[in-house]
Amino acid sequence: MTLLSHPRAAWPDVDALPPDATALICIGATEQHGPHLPVEMDTLIAGAVGRQVAARLDVPVLLFGPFPLGLSQHHVGFPGTVTVSAETLASVVESYVATAERAGISRIGMLSGHGGNFEFLADFCRRRLEVYPETRLSAYSDLQGMIQAGRTAADEAGVEWPPCDAHAGLLETSLALHILGPGGVGDFSDVVGYTAAEPDWLDRFFTRGVASLSNNGVVGDPRAATAEMGRHILASLSDSVAAHFAQELRIPLSQEGPS
């Protein structure tokens, strides 16, 4: 399996990709992640998942991104959040897709480390396929499935966590500890966010903003997070995303998996 990371690849490397090559476009975000995680957290997740997914696909992969901005309007109640319009993000994604097509790549997958981008990416694929059906295009857009994939590791570890753990809580803090190491994560020993999990919590999250649920930007409870749990969560997420692209883009999965 050949993996080319687009920002570091020379043009002859891209030109030499074989006809069965696949492109993966990774989109992140720059937004608040509570008092203990960096604002680039979703971009870090997108990059980590993208690399592991690429390693699971048994074809050459051109890996784009992770692009560091997304649709983060629901986080602007906290300083440090950067958000872009849907039109701007569509222009960026289209640029990546067109670059892959010019390189002769006709199978393209899109993934996001930020839940606020999921619906947008699915809609982008639908609209573009109506105009350019010759390119096989798919976005991983199952937000609940992604959260559930992450829950597997915590459940296996016997850790109880609220069903609304969706932002800077146990899942993302564990991922941060794994990806960044303990030096990249602030003190979260006393950090607790919104945990009530009321019936309308997810709707409020996106329509009224995270600040309507939590005064520290955390939706969940990170206190039991560990790097080992983060490693298992990342593997579970990557398995789920890779299986999606294997089915939707008709790509065989590697028997070896990531190193």
Protein backbone atom coordinates (compact mmCIF):
# COMPACT_ATOMS: atom_id res chain seq x y z
CA MET A 1 0.00 0.00 0.00
CA THR A 2 1.32 3.41 -1.04
CA LEU A 3 0.40 6.38 1.13
CA LEU A 4 1.08 9.89 -0.16
CA SER A 5 0.47 12.77 2.22
CA HIS A 6 -0.50 15.51 -0.19
CA PRO A 7 1.20 18.53 1.40
CA ARG A 8 4.54 16.69 1.45
CA ALA A 9 4.30 14.88 -1.89
CA ALA A 10 6.11 16.07 -5.02
CA TRP A 11 4.08 16.30 -8.21
CA PRO A 12 5.83 13.33 -9.88
CA ASP A 13 4.76 11.18 -6.92
CA VAL A 14 1.15 12.17 -7.46
CA ASP A 15 1.51 11.69 -11.21
CA ALA A 16 2.82 8.16 -10.66
CA LEU A 17 -0.23 6.96 -8.71
CA PRO A 18 -1.82 3.91 -10.40
CA PRO A 19 -5.40 3.83 -11.73
CA ASP A 20 -6.75 2.07 -8.62
CA ALA A 21 -5.57 4.83 -6.27
CA THR A 22 -8.06 6.42 -3.87
CA ALA A 23 -8.10 9.90 -2.35
CA LEU A 24 -9.10 10.63 1.24
CA ILE A 25 -10.03 14.21 2.14
CA CYS A 26 -9.78 14.97 5.85
CA ILE A 27 -11.59 17.99 7.28
CA GLY A 28 -11.14 19.27 10.83
CA ALA A 29 -12.12 22.41 12.73
CA THR A 30 -10.65 25.08 14.97
CA GLU A 31 -12.95 25.53 17.92
CA GLN A 32 -13.04 25.54 21.69
CA HIS A 33 -12.61 22.20 23.40
CA GLY A 34 -13.14 23.09 27.01
CA PRO A 35 -10.49 24.46 29.35
CA HIS A 36 -8.09 21.52 28.85
CA LEU A 37 -7.91 20.63 25.13
CA PRO A 38 -6.45 22.63 22.22
CA VAL A 39 -8.72 24.34 19.69
CA GLU A 40 -7.14 22.17 16.96
CA MET A 41 -8.49 18.96 18.50
CA ASP A 42 -10.89 18.06 15.69
CA THR A 43 -8.16 18.64 13.12
CA LEU A 44 -5.83 16.32 15.04
CA ILE A 45 -8.55 13.67 15.15
CA ALA A 46 -9.24 13.98 11.43
CA GLY A 47 -5.56 13.53 10.64
CA ALA A 48 -5.13 10.56 12.97
CA VAL A 49 -8.25 8.78 11.69
CA GLY A 50 -7.29 9.56 8.09
CA ARG A 51 -3.85 7.98 8.48
CA GLN A 52 -5.24 4.85 10.10
CA VAL A 53 -8.03 4.51 7.53
CA ALA A 54 -5.49 4.87 4.72
CA ALA A 55 -3.46 2.06 6.27
CA ARG A 56 -6.54 -0.18 6.33
CA LEU A 57 -7.35 0.28 2.62
CA ASP A 58 -5.54 -2.14 0.32
CA VAL A 59 -4.98 0.41 -2.46
CA PRO A 60 -2.63 3.37 -2.92
CA VAL A 61 -4.02 6.40 -1.08
CA LEU A 62 -3.54 10.12 -1.64
CA LEU A 63 -4.28 11.74 1.72
CA PHE A 64 -5.47 15.36 1.68
CA GLY A 65 -5.48 17.58 4.73
CA PRO A 66 -6.48 17.69 7.43
CA PHE A 67 -7.96 21.06 6.52
CA PRO A 68 -8.14 22.96 9.84
CA LEU A 69 -11.44 24.88 9.52
CA GLY A 70 -15.06 23.80 9.51
CA LEU A 71 -18.63 24.75 10.38
CA SER A 72 -18.28 25.72 14.03
CA GLN A 73 -20.93 28.40 14.56
CA HIS A 74 -22.31 26.51 17.58
CA HIS A 75 -18.99 27.08 19.39
CA VAL A 76 -18.57 30.83 18.85
CA GLY A 77 -19.83 31.51 22.36
CA PHE A 78 -16.29 30.70 23.49
CA PRO A 79 -13.09 32.60 22.53
CA GLY A 80 -10.69 31.03 20.04
CA THR A 81 -13.28 29.43 17.79
CA VAL A 82 -12.88 29.99 14.04
CA THR A 83 -15.81 29.17 11.77
CA VAL A 84 -16.32 29.42 8.01
CA SER A 85 -19.43 29.55 5.85
CA ALA A 86 -20.77 26.49 4.07
CA GLU A 87 -19.94 28.18 0.77
CA THR A 88 -16.31 28.63 1.78
CA LEU A 89 -15.97 25.05 2.94
CA ALA A 90 -17.62 23.79 -0.25
CA SER A 91 -15.06 25.69 -2.30
CA VAL A 92 -12.21 24.09 -0.33
CA VAL A 93 -13.61 20.57 -0.63
CA GLU A 94 -14.28 21.06 -4.34
CA SER A 95 -10.66 22.12 -4.80
CA TYR A 96 -9.45 18.88 -3.21
CA VAL A 97 -11.85 16.77 -5.28
CA ALA A 98 -10.85 18.50 -8.51
CA THR A 99 -7.16 18.00 -7.70
CA ALA A 100 -7.73 14.28 -7.20
CA GLU A 101 -9.67 14.03 -10.46
CA ARG A 102 -6.90 15.79 -12.39
CA ALA A 103 -4.53 13.14 -11.03
CA GLY A 104 -6.75 10.45 -12.53
CA ILE A 105 -8.34 9.38 -9.22
CA SER A 106 -12.01 8.45 -9.51
CA ARG A 107 -12.66 7.10 -5.99
CA ILE A 108 -12.72 9.75 -3.29
CA GLY A 109 -13.66 9.50 0.37
CA MET A 110 -14.29 12.33 2.82
CA LEU A 111 -14.08 12.20 6.59
CA SER A 112 -14.33 14.76 9.36
CA GLY A 113 -13.02 15.00 12.90
CA HIS A 114 -15.79 17.50 13.69
CA GLY A 115 -19.43 16.44 13.97
CA GLY A 116 -20.67 19.79 12.67
CA ASN A 117 -19.23 18.97 9.24
CA PHE A 118 -20.95 15.60 8.79
CA GLU A 119 -24.26 16.71 7.30
CA PHE A 120 -22.48 19.23 5.08
CA LEU A 121 -20.13 16.62 3.61
CA ALA A 122 -22.97 14.20 2.91
CA ASP A 123 -24.92 16.95 1.15
CA PHE A 124 -21.83 18.00 -0.82
CA CYS A 125 -21.44 14.44 -2.13
CA ARG A 126 -25.09 14.16 -3.12
CA ARG A 127 -25.04 17.44 -5.01
CA ARG A 128 -21.78 16.79 -6.81
CA LEU A 129 -22.73 13.27 -7.85
CA GLU A 130 -25.82 14.69 -9.55
CA VAL A 131 -23.50 16.68 -11.82
CA TYR A 132 -20.44 14.42 -12.03
CA PRO A 133 -21.64 10.82 -11.56
CA GLU A 134 -18.46 9.36 -13.09
CA THR A 135 -16.51 10.03 -9.87
CA ARG A 136 -17.27 7.62 -7.05
CA LEU A 137 -17.63 9.95 -4.06
CA SER A 138 -18.57 9.13 -0.48
CA ALA A 139 -18.54 10.90 2.88
CA TYR A 140 -18.54 9.22 6.27
CA SER A 141 -21.44 11.06 7.85
CA ASP A 142 -22.83 8.75 10.53
CA LEU A 143 -22.29 10.95 13.59
CA GLN A 144 -24.14 8.65 15.99
CA GLY A 145 -22.26 5.68 14.56
CA MET A 146 -18.96 7.45 15.15
CA ILE A 147 -19.90 8.23 18.75
CA GLN A 148 -20.98 4.63 19.28
CA ALA A 149 -17.73 3.35 17.79
CA GLY A 150 -15.88 5.45 20.32
CA ARG A 151 -18.03 4.14 23.17
CA THR A 152 -16.83 0.59 22.57
CA ALA A 153 -13.44 1.14 24.20
CA ALA A 154 -14.92 2.82 27.27
CA ASP A 155 -17.52 0.09 27.67
CA GLU A 156 -14.83 -2.60 27.45
CA ALA A 157 -12.82 -0.75 30.10
CA GLY A 158 -15.85 -0.72 32.38
CA VAL A 159 -16.02 3.09 32.46
CA GLU A 160 -19.42 4.69 32.82
CA TRP A 161 -19.96 7.83 30.80
CA PRO A 162 -23.02 9.94 29.97
CA PRO A 163 -24.78 9.35 26.64
CA CYS A 164 -24.22 13.02 25.77
CA ASP A 165 -20.41 12.71 25.95
CA ALA A 166 -19.83 14.39 22.59
CA HIS A 167 -17.39 17.26 23.07
CA ALA A 168 -14.17 17.52 25.09
CA GLY A 169 -15.40 14.74 27.35
CA LEU A 170 -14.13 11.21 27.92
CA LEU A 171 -13.89 10.28 24.24
CA GLU A 172 -12.00 13.33 22.96
CA THR A 173 -9.82 13.73 26.04
CA SER A 174 -8.71 10.10 25.75
CA LEU A 175 -7.94 10.66 22.07
CA ALA A 176 -5.94 13.77 22.96
CA LEU A 177 -3.90 11.88 25.56
CA HIS A 178 -3.10 9.22 22.96
CA ILE A 179 -2.36 11.59 20.06
CA LEU A 180 -0.60 14.40 21.96
CA GLY A 181 0.66 12.69 25.09
CA PRO A 182 -0.01 14.05 28.59
CA GLY A 183 2.05 17.18 27.90
CA GLY A 184 -0.43 18.28 25.24
CA VAL A 185 -3.45 18.15 27.52
CA GLY A 186 -4.30 20.54 30.35
CA ASP A 187 -5.38 19.51 33.83
CA PHE A 188 -8.84 17.95 33.65
CA SER A 189 -9.01 16.38 37.10
CA ASP A 190 -11.80 18.75 38.14
CA VAL A 191 -13.36 19.34 34.72
CA VAL A 192 -17.00 18.28 34.36
CA GLY A 193 -19.29 19.55 31.64
CA TYR A 194 -22.93 19.06 30.73
CA THR A 195 -24.01 15.50 31.61
CA ALA A 196 -27.80 15.71 32.05
CA ALA A 197 -28.49 14.23 28.60
CA GLU A 198 -31.99 15.72 28.36
CA PRO A 199 -34.05 14.57 25.36
CA ASP A 200 -33.36 17.74 23.38
CA TRP A 201 -29.67 18.11 24.25
CA LEU A 202 -28.29 17.38 20.76
CA ASP A 203 -30.74 19.77 19.10
CA ARG A 204 -29.75 22.50 21.56
CA PHE A 205 -26.08 21.69 20.97
CA PHE A 206 -26.36 22.58 17.27
CA THR A 207 -29.17 25.15 17.19
CA ARG A 208 -28.59 27.19 20.36
CA GLY A 209 -24.89 26.55 20.76
CA VAL A 210 -22.74 24.70 23.26
CA ALA A 211 -22.82 27.68 25.64
CA SER A 212 -26.54 27.00 26.17
CA LEU A 213 -25.60 23.63 27.70
CA SER A 214 -22.24 24.19 29.34
CA ASN A 215 -20.40 27.15 30.83
CA ASN A 216 -16.98 25.57 30.26
CA GLY A 217 -17.55 24.25 26.74
CA VAL A 218 -17.47 20.59 27.75
CA VAL A 219 -20.33 18.23 26.92
CA GLY A 220 -19.48 15.11 28.86
CA ASP A 221 -17.14 14.09 31.67
CA PRO A 222 -13.43 13.66 30.84
CA ARG A 223 -12.13 12.72 34.29
CA ALA A 224 -11.68 8.99 33.59
CA ALA A 225 -9.86 9.55 30.28
CA THR A 226 -6.64 7.62 29.58
CA ALA A 227 -4.20 7.39 26.67
CA GLU A 228 -4.76 3.63 26.41
CA MET A 229 -8.49 4.19 26.06
CA GLY A 230 -7.72 6.79 23.40
CA ARG A 231 -5.69 4.24 21.46
CA HIS A 232 -8.61 1.82 21.45
CA ILE A 233 -11.10 4.57 20.58
CA LEU A 234 -8.98 5.66 17.61
CA ALA A 235 -8.75 2.08 16.36
CA SER A 236 -12.52 1.61 16.72
CA LEU A 237 -13.30 4.84 14.90
CA SER A 238 -10.86 4.00 12.12
CA ASP A 239 -12.31 0.50 11.69
CA SER A 240 -15.79 1.98 11.30
CA VAL A 241 -14.73 4.63 8.78
CA ALA A 242 -12.58 2.19 6.78
CA ALA A 243 -15.43 -0.31 6.56
CA HIS A 244 -17.70 2.45 5.25
CA PHE A 245 -15.30 3.41 2.47
CA ALA A 246 -14.54 -0.21 1.61
CA GLN A 247 -18.24 -0.75 0.95
CA GLU A 248 -19.13 2.59 -0.64
CA LEU A 249 -16.02 2.95 -2.82
CA ARG A 250 -15.56 -0.80 -3.45
CA ILE A 251 -12.07 -0.95 -1.98
CA PRO A 252 -10.55 -4.09 -0.45
CA LEU A 253 -9.36 -3.87 3.13
CA SER A 254 -5.79 -4.71 4.00
CA GLN A 255 -5.25 -7.84 6.07
CA GLU A 256 -2.32 -6.24 7.85
CA GLY A 257 -3.95 -3.04 9.16
CA PRO A 258 -2.05 -0.04 10.46
CA SER A 259 1.42 -0.43 11.90
